[in-house]
Amino acid sequence: MDKILGALNGVEFTIGDTLLELSYLIAALLFVVGLKLLSHPETARRGNLWAASGMGLAMVTTLLLHKDAAGNGIPLTNVWIIMAAIGVGAAIGWTIARKIKMTAMPQLVSFYNATGGAASALVALLEYPNALAGDVGSILVTVLGLIIGSIAFSGSMIAYGKLDGKVGDIMKPFITYINLVLLVVTLGLGAYIIFSPNPPAEMVWAIYALLGIALIYGVMFVMPIGGADMPVVISLLNSFTGIAAAMAGFIYNNQAMILGGILVGAAGMILTILMCKAMNRSLLNVIIGAFGGGGAALDKDQGTIKEITLSDAAVLLSYSQKIVVIPGYGLAVAQAQHIAHELDTLLEGKGVEVRYAIHPVAGRMPGHMNVLLAEADVPYEKLVEMDDINPDMPNVDVAIVVGANDVVNPAAYDDPSSPIYGMPIIDAHQAKNIIVMKRGMGKGYAGIENFLFFNDKTRMLFGNAKDSIQKLVSEIKNM
């Protein structure tokens, strides 16, 4: 016999049920281990494998051991359909991940996040008519899954478009009020569906209306967000997707989905709070989409741009004691992380201390610069967070700004009209000398002028960052 009589409430368990629950517990533990390993670049790859193994275990055991209320397993035909869908999805995901450029990684994260939100919303949409009338708990998680999943989907797709340059910003004050109205309507309609005495089968129109409004809200609350605020939004949307997955887990009473969703949601929310702190924004402003708006630039004398030759830059760097490299999105665009590591290794051979100053929102997603530099095998110990590096910046002989803009812009300190005013920045302007590597005088992602470029201590080294650093390496080697 494969049946084991459970003592709890007279419920009958089988060996299959026990193994399934045990596999979910093991999967949850693998998720936790993977998440822990993801906290450090040196172990992140292994962390991904551990977490993926947990998900794979949960999927396989569900297919083999899951039974419905009548004790029947998943029909063989459905198993083959599910396996085919998993195979197609895995093949597409593998291909995209292998071919994607590092510069497009934020877009890929947003796109994958959107698919997770869409899946959770579809689960809620399909399962709502099957809910029992008056079962408030079941309808509650279904409605929450639909709302949060829909917002995560449409918001992530807009974030993808903005990161890819296909969607612009709408910086209009009235957008905030529209978002508030949409949010109230969404929550109000959701509450009406949850507490309605009508059977779910008669409320299908309302669930579709809720889907449409939630999708519109997701679009509208991401549209006004621009500039350096995008990493905050990506973190928040990631949290939404995790929460929506947990709601789907409650719908199916699937512990693996619940635990996985809670872990993703909690991690995303913690990261969102950290990003808000780094941007000096409140979480409420993120939710209502009232941040990232622009203001007129402060009208002041900009000063003059001063350039530096490769030979002068090579001499300055070679005879320095402390150098700080401040990477930004331009480093990713130029794929200059490997040659940057070669430069720091070369300088260290001359007795120079080289560190990398990492702003929490440098790039287009949280940890973007850490990922880039880890790819180039830059030791993690060389990556210094903004709060730790800023006190030492006045002692730095040369700050090399490679493709960064908004995260070193002094307007955050002295221009109240600037959209980044109040945002903590890396104090590159405090260094004794500043070398800025840029293609030209184009503005950063926030679309505002950077007065660091006109600082008396700043020298511009124009050109592609990868080419400029390569020539700088050659120049230093020939000294």
Protein backbone atom coordinates (compact mmCIF):
# COMPACT_ATOMS: atom_id res chain seq x y z
CA MET A 1 0.00 0.00 0.00
CA ASP A 2 1.23 3.49 -0.81
CA LYS A 3 -1.30 5.25 1.39
CA ILE A 4 -0.43 6.58 4.81
CA LEU A 5 -3.28 7.67 7.03
CA GLY A 6 -2.61 11.15 8.38
CA ALA A 7 -3.60 11.87 11.91
CA LEU A 8 -4.29 15.55 11.35
CA ASN A 9 -8.00 16.24 10.92
CA GLY A 10 -8.52 12.84 9.43
CA VAL A 11 -6.76 13.82 6.19
CA GLU A 12 -5.48 10.92 4.11
CA PHE A 13 -1.94 11.34 2.82
CA THR A 14 -0.05 9.22 0.31
CA ILE A 15 3.65 8.62 -0.09
CA GLY A 16 3.40 10.72 -3.24
CA ASP A 17 1.91 13.63 -1.30
CA THR A 18 4.64 13.36 1.32
CA LEU A 19 7.40 13.28 -1.29
CA LEU A 20 5.86 16.25 -3.08
CA GLU A 21 5.73 18.34 0.08
CA LEU A 22 9.28 17.28 0.95
CA SER A 23 10.48 18.32 -2.50
CA TYR A 24 8.89 21.74 -2.00
CA LEU A 25 10.72 22.11 1.30
CA ILE A 26 14.02 21.17 -0.35
CA ALA A 27 13.28 23.58 -3.21
CA ALA A 28 12.64 26.39 -0.72
CA LEU A 29 15.96 25.66 0.99
CA LEU A 30 17.72 25.74 -2.38
CA PHE A 31 16.06 29.12 -3.09
CA VAL A 32 17.40 30.49 0.20
CA VAL A 33 20.90 29.15 -0.42
CA GLY A 34 20.85 30.54 -3.96
CA LEU A 35 19.68 33.94 -2.75
CA LYS A 36 22.45 34.02 -0.16
CA LEU A 37 25.10 33.15 -2.75
CA LEU A 38 23.74 35.83 -5.10
CA SER A 39 24.77 38.48 -2.58
CA HIS A 40 28.42 38.25 -3.66
CA PRO A 41 29.74 38.42 -7.26
CA GLU A 42 32.22 35.60 -6.65
CA THR A 43 29.43 33.18 -5.70
CA ALA A 44 26.58 34.61 -7.79
CA ARG A 45 26.95 32.11 -10.64
CA ARG A 46 26.77 29.21 -8.17
CA GLY A 47 23.79 30.85 -6.48
CA ASN A 48 21.91 30.94 -9.78
CA LEU A 49 22.55 27.23 -10.26
CA TRP A 50 21.35 26.36 -6.75
CA ALA A 51 18.15 28.39 -7.14
CA ALA A 52 17.51 27.00 -10.64
CA SER A 53 17.98 23.47 -9.26
CA GLY A 54 15.33 24.19 -6.65
CA MET A 55 12.90 25.39 -9.28
CA GLY A 56 13.68 22.41 -11.50
CA LEU A 57 13.05 20.02 -8.60
CA ALA A 58 9.69 21.65 -7.82
CA MET A 59 8.61 21.48 -11.47
CA VAL A 60 9.57 17.81 -11.95
CA THR A 61 7.99 16.57 -8.72
CA THR A 62 4.81 18.53 -9.40
CA LEU A 63 4.46 16.91 -12.81
CA LEU A 64 5.06 13.43 -11.40
CA LEU A 65 3.35 13.54 -8.02
CA HIS A 66 0.62 16.22 -8.05
CA LYS A 67 -2.93 14.96 -7.60
CA ASP A 68 -6.24 16.77 -7.72
CA ALA A 69 -9.00 16.61 -5.09
CA ALA A 70 -10.22 13.31 -6.53
CA GLY A 71 -6.75 11.77 -6.20
CA ASN A 72 -6.02 11.82 -9.93
CA GLY A 73 -2.62 12.81 -11.28
CA ILE A 74 -1.99 15.17 -14.17
CA PRO A 75 -3.27 13.55 -17.42
CA LEU A 76 -0.44 12.26 -19.60
CA THR A 77 -1.56 14.45 -22.50
CA ASN A 78 -1.31 17.54 -20.32
CA VAL A 79 2.11 16.45 -19.08
CA TRP A 80 3.41 16.34 -22.64
CA ILE A 81 1.90 19.74 -23.39
CA ILE A 82 3.50 21.20 -20.27
CA MET A 83 6.85 19.61 -21.10
CA ALA A 84 6.68 21.00 -24.63
CA ALA A 85 5.90 24.48 -23.30
CA ILE A 86 8.77 24.26 -20.81
CA GLY A 87 11.12 23.11 -23.60
CA VAL A 88 10.15 25.94 -25.93
CA GLY A 89 10.39 28.52 -23.17
CA ALA A 90 13.76 27.18 -22.00
CA ALA A 91 15.15 27.21 -25.54
CA ILE A 92 14.01 30.79 -26.14
CA GLY A 93 15.32 31.95 -22.76
CA TRP A 94 18.67 30.22 -23.25
CA THR A 95 19.11 31.71 -26.73
CA ILE A 96 18.24 35.24 -25.62
CA ALA A 97 20.45 35.06 -22.53
CA ARG A 98 23.43 33.81 -24.57
CA LYS A 99 23.14 36.49 -27.23
CA ILE A 100 22.16 39.49 -25.12
CA LYS A 101 24.79 42.21 -24.77
CA MET A 102 25.75 43.41 -21.31
CA THR A 103 24.50 46.89 -22.22
CA ALA A 104 21.03 45.44 -22.81
CA MET A 105 20.93 43.43 -19.57
CA PRO A 106 18.58 45.92 -17.82
CA GLN A 107 16.11 45.62 -20.70
CA LEU A 108 16.29 41.84 -20.48
CA VAL A 109 15.65 41.92 -16.73
CA SER A 110 12.60 44.13 -17.29
CA PHE A 111 11.29 41.88 -20.06
CA TYR A 112 11.67 38.70 -17.99
CA ASN A 113 10.06 40.48 -15.06
CA ALA A 114 7.12 41.36 -17.30
CA THR A 115 6.62 37.72 -18.30
CA GLY A 116 6.47 36.70 -14.62
CA GLY A 117 3.83 39.32 -13.91
CA ALA A 118 1.83 38.30 -16.97
CA ALA A 119 1.88 34.62 -15.94
CA SER A 120 0.59 35.43 -12.45
CA ALA A 121 -2.14 37.70 -13.83
CA LEU A 122 -3.28 35.02 -16.27
CA VAL A 123 -3.46 32.44 -13.48
CA ALA A 124 -5.73 34.77 -11.50
CA LEU A 125 -7.84 35.59 -14.56
CA LEU A 126 -8.41 31.94 -15.41
CA GLU A 127 -9.02 30.72 -11.88
CA TYR A 128 -11.37 33.46 -10.68
CA PRO A 129 -14.53 31.93 -12.26
CA ASN A 130 -13.74 28.68 -10.39
CA ALA A 131 -13.73 30.35 -6.97
CA LEU A 132 -16.61 29.61 -4.59
CA ALA A 133 -19.09 32.39 -3.85
CA GLY A 134 -18.43 33.86 -0.42
CA ASP A 135 -14.91 32.41 -0.20
CA VAL A 136 -13.36 35.78 0.59
CA GLY A 137 -9.88 34.38 1.20
CA SER A 138 -9.66 32.62 -2.16
CA ILE A 139 -11.10 35.59 -4.06
CA LEU A 140 -8.79 37.99 -2.19
CA VAL A 141 -5.57 36.27 -3.30
CA THR A 142 -6.97 35.93 -6.83
CA VAL A 143 -7.78 39.63 -7.10
CA LEU A 144 -4.45 40.65 -5.56
CA GLY A 145 -2.61 38.35 -7.96
CA LEU A 146 -4.46 39.89 -10.89
CA ILE A 147 -3.81 43.50 -9.82
CA ILE A 148 -0.16 43.09 -8.85
CA GLY A 149 0.67 40.80 -11.78
CA SER A 150 -0.95 43.17 -14.29
CA ILE A 151 0.89 46.20 -12.90
CA ALA A 152 4.17 44.25 -12.93
CA PHE A 153 3.59 43.23 -16.55
CA SER A 154 2.60 46.55 -18.09
CA GLY A 155 4.97 48.56 -15.89
CA SER A 156 7.91 46.30 -16.75
CA MET A 157 7.16 46.53 -20.47
CA ILE A 158 7.17 50.32 -20.27
CA ALA A 159 10.43 50.15 -18.28
CA TYR A 160 11.85 47.93 -21.02
CA GLY A 161 10.81 50.47 -23.65
CA LYS A 162 12.29 53.39 -21.72
CA LEU A 163 15.58 51.59 -21.09
CA ASP A 164 15.78 50.66 -24.77
CA GLY A 165 15.07 54.21 -25.87
CA LYS A 166 11.74 53.29 -27.49
CA VAL A 167 9.51 55.06 -24.97
CA GLY A 168 10.01 58.63 -23.74
CA ASP A 169 9.14 60.28 -20.44
CA ILE A 170 5.93 62.17 -19.72
CA MET A 171 6.94 64.78 -17.18
CA LYS A 172 3.53 66.37 -16.51
CA PRO A 173 2.27 67.31 -13.02
CA PHE A 174 -1.25 66.06 -13.77
CA ILE A 175 0.08 62.52 -14.28
CA THR A 176 0.43 62.20 -10.51
CA TYR A 177 -3.27 62.93 -10.00
CA ILE A 178 -4.28 60.56 -12.80
CA ASN A 179 -2.22 57.85 -11.14
CA LEU A 180 -3.85 58.46 -7.78
CA VAL A 181 -7.33 58.25 -9.36
CA LEU A 182 -6.38 55.02 -11.19
CA LEU A 183 -4.99 53.54 -7.99
CA VAL A 184 -8.16 54.37 -6.03
CA VAL A 185 -10.39 52.96 -8.81
CA THR A 186 -8.28 49.81 -9.01
CA LEU A 187 -8.43 49.20 -5.27
CA GLY A 188 -12.12 50.12 -5.12
CA LEU A 189 -13.10 47.74 -7.92
CA GLY A 190 -10.94 45.02 -6.38
CA ALA A 191 -12.70 45.44 -3.03
CA TYR A 192 -16.09 45.31 -4.78
CA ILE A 193 -15.19 42.00 -6.44
CA ILE A 194 -13.86 40.51 -3.20
CA PHE A 195 -16.89 41.33 -1.08
CA SER A 196 -19.59 40.99 -3.74
CA PRO A 197 -22.30 38.46 -2.80
CA ASN A 198 -22.68 37.50 -6.47
CA PRO A 199 -21.13 34.24 -7.68
CA PRO A 200 -17.74 34.73 -9.44
CA ALA A 201 -19.22 33.38 -12.68
CA GLU A 202 -21.51 36.45 -12.77
CA MET A 203 -18.65 38.85 -12.00
CA VAL A 204 -16.42 37.99 -14.95
CA TRP A 205 -17.06 41.42 -16.47
CA ALA A 206 -15.68 43.04 -13.33
CA ILE A 207 -12.51 40.93 -13.31
CA TYR A 208 -11.80 41.87 -16.93
CA ALA A 209 -12.47 45.53 -16.14
CA LEU A 210 -10.05 45.25 -13.22
CA LEU A 211 -7.45 43.70 -15.53
CA GLY A 212 -7.73 46.63 -17.96
CA ILE A 213 -7.52 49.32 -15.27
CA ALA A 214 -4.55 47.62 -13.57
CA LEU A 215 -2.72 47.39 -16.90
CA ILE A 216 -3.33 51.08 -17.56
CA TYR A 217 -2.13 51.99 -14.07
CA GLY A 218 1.06 49.99 -14.60
CA VAL A 219 1.76 51.98 -17.74
CA MET A 220 0.91 55.35 -16.21
CA PHE A 221 2.93 55.05 -13.03
CA VAL A 222 6.13 54.12 -14.91
CA MET A 223 5.72 56.68 -17.73
CA PRO A 224 6.72 59.80 -15.72
CA ILE A 225 9.82 58.13 -14.29
CA GLY A 226 13.11 59.03 -15.88
CA GLY A 227 16.67 59.90 -15.19
CA ALA A 228 18.64 57.99 -12.60
CA ASP A 229 15.43 56.81 -10.90
CA MET A 230 14.91 53.80 -13.19
CA PRO A 231 16.80 51.29 -10.98
CA VAL A 232 14.32 52.04 -8.19
CA VAL A 233 11.43 51.18 -10.47
CA ILE A 234 13.04 47.96 -11.68
CA SER A 235 13.50 46.87 -8.06
CA LEU A 236 9.89 47.69 -7.20
CA LEU A 237 8.49 45.88 -10.25
CA ASN A 238 10.64 42.87 -9.42
CA SER A 239 9.10 42.85 -5.95
CA PHE A 240 5.61 43.07 -7.48
CA THR A 241 6.30 40.03 -9.66
CA GLY A 242 7.41 38.02 -6.63
CA ILE A 243 4.31 38.98 -4.67
CA ALA A 244 2.08 38.13 -7.65
CA ALA A 245 3.75 34.70 -7.90
CA ALA A 246 3.07 34.14 -4.20
CA MET A 247 -0.60 34.98 -4.78
CA ALA A 248 -0.68 32.42 -7.60
CA GLY A 249 0.82 29.94 -5.14
CA PHE A 250 -2.00 30.59 -2.70
CA ILE A 251 -4.54 30.06 -5.49
CA TYR A 252 -3.12 26.61 -6.21
CA ASN A 253 -2.08 25.91 -2.62
CA ASN A 254 1.45 25.33 -3.94
CA GLN A 255 4.07 25.81 -1.24
CA ALA A 256 6.97 26.11 -3.70
CA MET A 257 5.31 29.01 -5.53
CA ILE A 258 4.36 30.67 -2.25
CA LEU A 259 7.84 30.44 -0.76
CA GLY A 260 9.58 31.38 -4.01
CA GLY A 261 7.28 34.35 -4.52
CA ILE A 262 7.72 35.55 -0.94
CA LEU A 263 11.51 35.36 -1.26
CA VAL A 264 11.52 37.30 -4.52
CA GLY A 265 8.99 39.82 -3.23
CA ALA A 266 10.84 40.39 0.04
CA ALA A 267 14.25 40.64 -1.64
CA GLY A 268 12.87 43.05 -4.23
CA MET A 269 11.21 45.22 -1.58
CA ILE A 270 14.39 45.38 0.52
CA LEU A 271 16.36 46.34 -2.58
CA THR A 272 13.72 48.96 -3.45
CA ILE A 273 14.07 50.54 -0.02
CA LEU A 274 17.86 50.56 -0.38
CA MET A 275 17.55 52.14 -3.83
CA CYS A 276 15.14 54.77 -2.46
CA LYS A 277 17.65 55.59 0.25
CA ALA A 278 20.41 55.86 -2.34
CA MET A 279 18.26 58.20 -4.43
CA ASN A 280 16.93 60.14 -1.44
CA ARG A 281 13.36 59.32 -2.53
CA SER A 282 10.42 58.00 -0.56
CA LEU A 283 8.71 54.73 -1.43
CA LEU A 284 5.37 56.55 -1.66
CA ASN A 285 6.77 58.70 -4.45
CA VAL A 286 7.80 55.56 -6.29
CA ILE A 287 4.32 54.05 -6.03
CA ILE A 288 2.47 57.13 -7.27
CA GLY A 289 5.06 57.83 -9.95
CA ALA A 290 5.77 61.33 -8.73
CA PHE A 291 9.52 61.32 -8.93
CA GLY A 292 12.09 61.68 -11.67
CA GLY A 293 10.45 64.80 -13.04
CA GLY A 294 12.68 67.52 -14.36
CA GLY A 295 13.14 71.15 -13.57
CA ALA A 296 14.92 73.97 -15.28
CA ALA A 297 18.68 73.89 -14.96
CA LEU A 298 20.20 76.48 -12.68
CA ASP A 299 21.27 79.50 -14.71
CA LYS A 300 24.91 79.98 -13.86
CA ASP A 301 28.23 80.45 -15.55
CA GLN A 302 29.31 77.04 -16.75
CA GLY A 303 32.97 77.82 -17.19
CA THR A 304 35.19 76.33 -19.86
CA ILE A 305 35.99 72.79 -20.95
CA LYS A 306 39.63 71.74 -20.65
CA GLU A 307 41.00 68.67 -22.42
CA ILE A 308 43.96 66.44 -21.55
CA THR A 309 46.28 64.57 -23.89
CA LEU A 310 46.95 60.86 -23.57
CA SER A 311 50.59 61.47 -22.64
CA ASP A 312 49.68 63.95 -19.91
CA ALA A 313 47.02 61.58 -18.56
CA ALA A 314 49.51 58.70 -18.55
CA VAL A 315 52.04 60.74 -16.60
CA LEU A 316 49.42 61.97 -14.12
CA LEU A 317 48.15 58.45 -13.43
CA SER A 318 51.60 56.84 -13.24
CA TYR A 319 52.84 59.24 -10.60
CA SER A 320 49.71 59.22 -8.45
CA GLN A 321 49.31 57.38 -5.17
CA LYS A 322 45.53 57.02 -5.01
CA ILE A 323 43.23 56.64 -8.01
CA VAL A 324 39.49 56.05 -8.00
CA VAL A 325 37.67 54.84 -11.12
CA ILE A 326 33.99 55.84 -11.25
CA PRO A 327 32.19 53.66 -13.83
CA GLY A 328 28.85 54.44 -15.42
CA TYR A 329 26.59 53.31 -18.24
CA GLY A 330 29.14 54.58 -20.80
CA LEU A 331 31.53 51.91 -19.57
CA ALA A 332 28.93 49.27 -20.41
CA VAL A 333 28.18 50.78 -23.80
CA ALA A 334 31.88 50.77 -24.72
CA GLN A 335 32.42 47.30 -23.22
CA ALA A 336 35.45 48.80 -21.51
CA GLN A 337 35.39 46.79 -18.28
CA HIS A 338 38.16 44.37 -19.33
CA ILE A 339 40.58 47.04 -20.49
CA ALA A 340 39.74 49.09 -17.36
CA HIS A 341 40.86 46.14 -15.24
CA GLU A 342 44.05 45.92 -17.32
CA LEU A 343 44.70 49.60 -16.60
CA ASP A 344 44.23 49.21 -12.86
CA THR A 345 46.49 46.13 -12.83
CA LEU A 346 49.16 48.05 -14.73
CA LEU A 347 48.97 51.00 -12.34
CA GLU A 348 49.08 48.77 -9.28
CA GLY A 349 52.30 47.33 -10.67
CA LYS A 350 53.69 50.85 -10.37
CA GLY A 351 52.65 51.07 -6.72
CA VAL A 352 49.41 53.00 -7.30
CA GLU A 353 46.33 52.18 -5.20
CA VAL A 354 43.35 51.79 -7.53
CA ARG A 355 39.75 51.39 -6.40
CA TYR A 356 36.36 51.54 -8.07
CA ALA A 357 33.67 53.80 -6.62
CA ILE A 358 30.26 52.21 -7.09
CA HIS A 359 27.09 54.29 -6.91
CA PRO A 360 24.00 52.19 -6.00
CA VAL A 361 22.11 53.30 -9.10
CA ALA A 362 24.96 53.62 -11.61
CA GLY A 363 23.86 52.13 -14.91
CA ARG A 364 20.30 51.10 -15.65
CA MET A 365 19.58 48.50 -12.98
CA PRO A 366 20.66 47.72 -9.42
CA GLY A 367 24.16 46.25 -9.31
CA HIS A 368 24.80 46.93 -13.01
CA MET A 369 28.38 48.10 -12.45
CA ASN A 370 29.15 45.26 -10.05
CA VAL A 371 28.08 42.75 -12.69
CA LEU A 372 30.14 44.44 -15.40
CA LEU A 373 33.31 44.54 -13.33
CA ALA A 374 32.83 41.02 -11.99
CA GLU A 375 32.63 39.88 -15.61
CA ALA A 376 36.11 41.38 -16.09
CA ASP A 377 37.41 39.58 -12.96
CA VAL A 378 37.93 42.78 -11.01
CA PRO A 379 38.42 41.68 -7.36
CA TYR A 380 35.31 42.44 -5.31
CA GLU A 381 37.50 44.07 -2.65
CA LYS A 382 38.31 46.86 -5.10
CA LEU A 383 34.64 47.82 -5.43
CA VAL A 384 33.87 50.46 -2.81
CA GLU A 385 30.37 51.72 -2.15
CA MET A 386 29.56 55.41 -2.36
CA ASP A 387 29.17 55.97 1.38
CA ASP A 388 32.54 54.40 2.06
CA ILE A 389 34.50 56.13 -0.70
CA ASN A 390 33.16 59.68 -0.34
CA PRO A 391 34.98 60.53 2.93
CA ASP A 392 38.29 59.64 1.26
CA MET A 393 37.70 61.48 -2.03
CA PRO A 394 39.62 64.65 -0.94
CA ASN A 395 42.69 62.40 -0.55
CA VAL A 396 42.35 60.90 -4.02
CA ASP A 397 44.95 62.11 -6.52
CA VAL A 398 42.89 61.32 -9.62
CA ALA A 399 39.22 60.44 -10.07
CA ILE A 400 38.65 58.80 -13.45
CA VAL A 401 35.02 59.13 -14.51
CA VAL A 402 34.30 56.52 -17.20
CA GLY A 403 30.90 57.04 -18.77
CA ALA A 404 29.23 58.17 -15.54
CA ASN A 405 27.20 61.36 -15.54
CA ASP A 406 24.26 61.85 -13.20
CA VAL A 407 25.88 59.96 -10.30
CA VAL A 408 28.78 62.48 -10.15
CA ASN A 409 26.81 65.62 -11.00
CA PRO A 410 27.30 68.38 -8.35
CA ALA A 411 23.85 69.72 -9.31
CA ALA A 412 22.57 67.21 -6.78
CA TYR A 413 24.08 69.49 -4.11
CA ASP A 414 23.69 73.03 -5.40
CA ASP A 415 20.85 73.16 -7.94
CA PRO A 416 17.40 73.03 -6.26
CA SER A 417 15.72 73.12 -9.68
CA SER A 418 17.52 70.00 -10.88
CA PRO A 419 15.58 66.71 -11.08
CA ILE A 420 18.45 65.01 -9.23
CA TYR A 421 18.67 67.62 -6.46
CA GLY A 422 19.08 65.89 -3.11
CA MET A 423 20.30 62.65 -4.65
CA PRO A 424 23.48 61.35 -2.99
CA ILE A 425 26.36 61.30 -5.48
CA ILE A 426 29.97 60.18 -5.58
CA ASP A 427 32.02 63.24 -4.70
CA ALA A 428 34.31 63.17 -7.71
CA HIS A 429 34.57 66.96 -7.50
CA GLN A 430 36.43 66.57 -4.20
CA ALA A 431 39.36 64.74 -5.81
CA LYS A 432 42.61 66.61 -6.48
CA ASN A 433 42.37 65.90 -10.22
CA ILE A 434 39.49 64.64 -12.36
CA ILE A 435 39.69 62.93 -15.73
CA VAL A 436 36.36 62.45 -17.50
CA MET A 437 36.16 59.97 -20.38
CA LYS A 438 33.25 60.68 -22.71
CA ARG A 439 32.42 60.49 -26.38
CA GLY A 440 31.32 64.11 -26.37
CA MET A 441 29.46 66.69 -24.34
CA GLY A 442 26.15 64.84 -24.44
CA LYS A 443 23.95 64.94 -21.37
CA GLY A 444 23.32 61.97 -19.11
CA TYR A 445 20.21 59.84 -18.74
CA ALA A 446 18.55 62.54 -16.66
CA GLY A 447 18.99 64.96 -19.58
CA ILE A 448 20.68 67.72 -17.59
CA GLU A 449 24.02 69.50 -17.76
CA ASN A 450 26.83 68.17 -15.60
CA PHE A 451 28.80 71.03 -14.08
CA LEU A 452 31.57 68.66 -13.02
CA PHE A 453 32.82 68.88 -16.60
CA PHE A 454 33.48 72.61 -16.14
CA ASN A 455 35.29 72.22 -12.82
CA ASP A 456 38.77 73.80 -12.77
CA LYS A 457 40.23 70.42 -11.73
CA THR A 458 38.51 68.50 -14.53
CA ARG A 459 40.18 67.48 -17.79
CA MET A 460 38.19 65.82 -20.56
CA LEU A 461 39.51 62.84 -22.53
CA PHE A 462 37.12 62.56 -25.44
CA GLY A 463 36.53 59.37 -27.38
CA ASN A 464 35.20 55.84 -26.99
CA ALA A 465 36.04 54.74 -23.46
CA LYS A 466 37.45 51.38 -24.54
CA ASP A 467 39.70 52.95 -27.18
CA SER A 468 40.80 55.74 -24.84
CA ILE A 469 41.75 53.35 -22.03
CA GLN A 470 43.50 51.04 -24.50
CA LYS A 471 45.63 53.92 -25.78
CA LEU A 472 46.25 55.02 -22.20
CA VAL A 473 47.48 51.53 -21.31
CA SER A 474 49.85 51.56 -24.30
CA GLU A 475 51.11 55.01 -23.36
CA ILE A 476 51.84 53.96 -19.76
CA LYS A 477 53.60 50.79 -20.91
CA ASN A 478 55.87 52.84 -23.15
CA MET A 479 56.88 55.26 -20.43
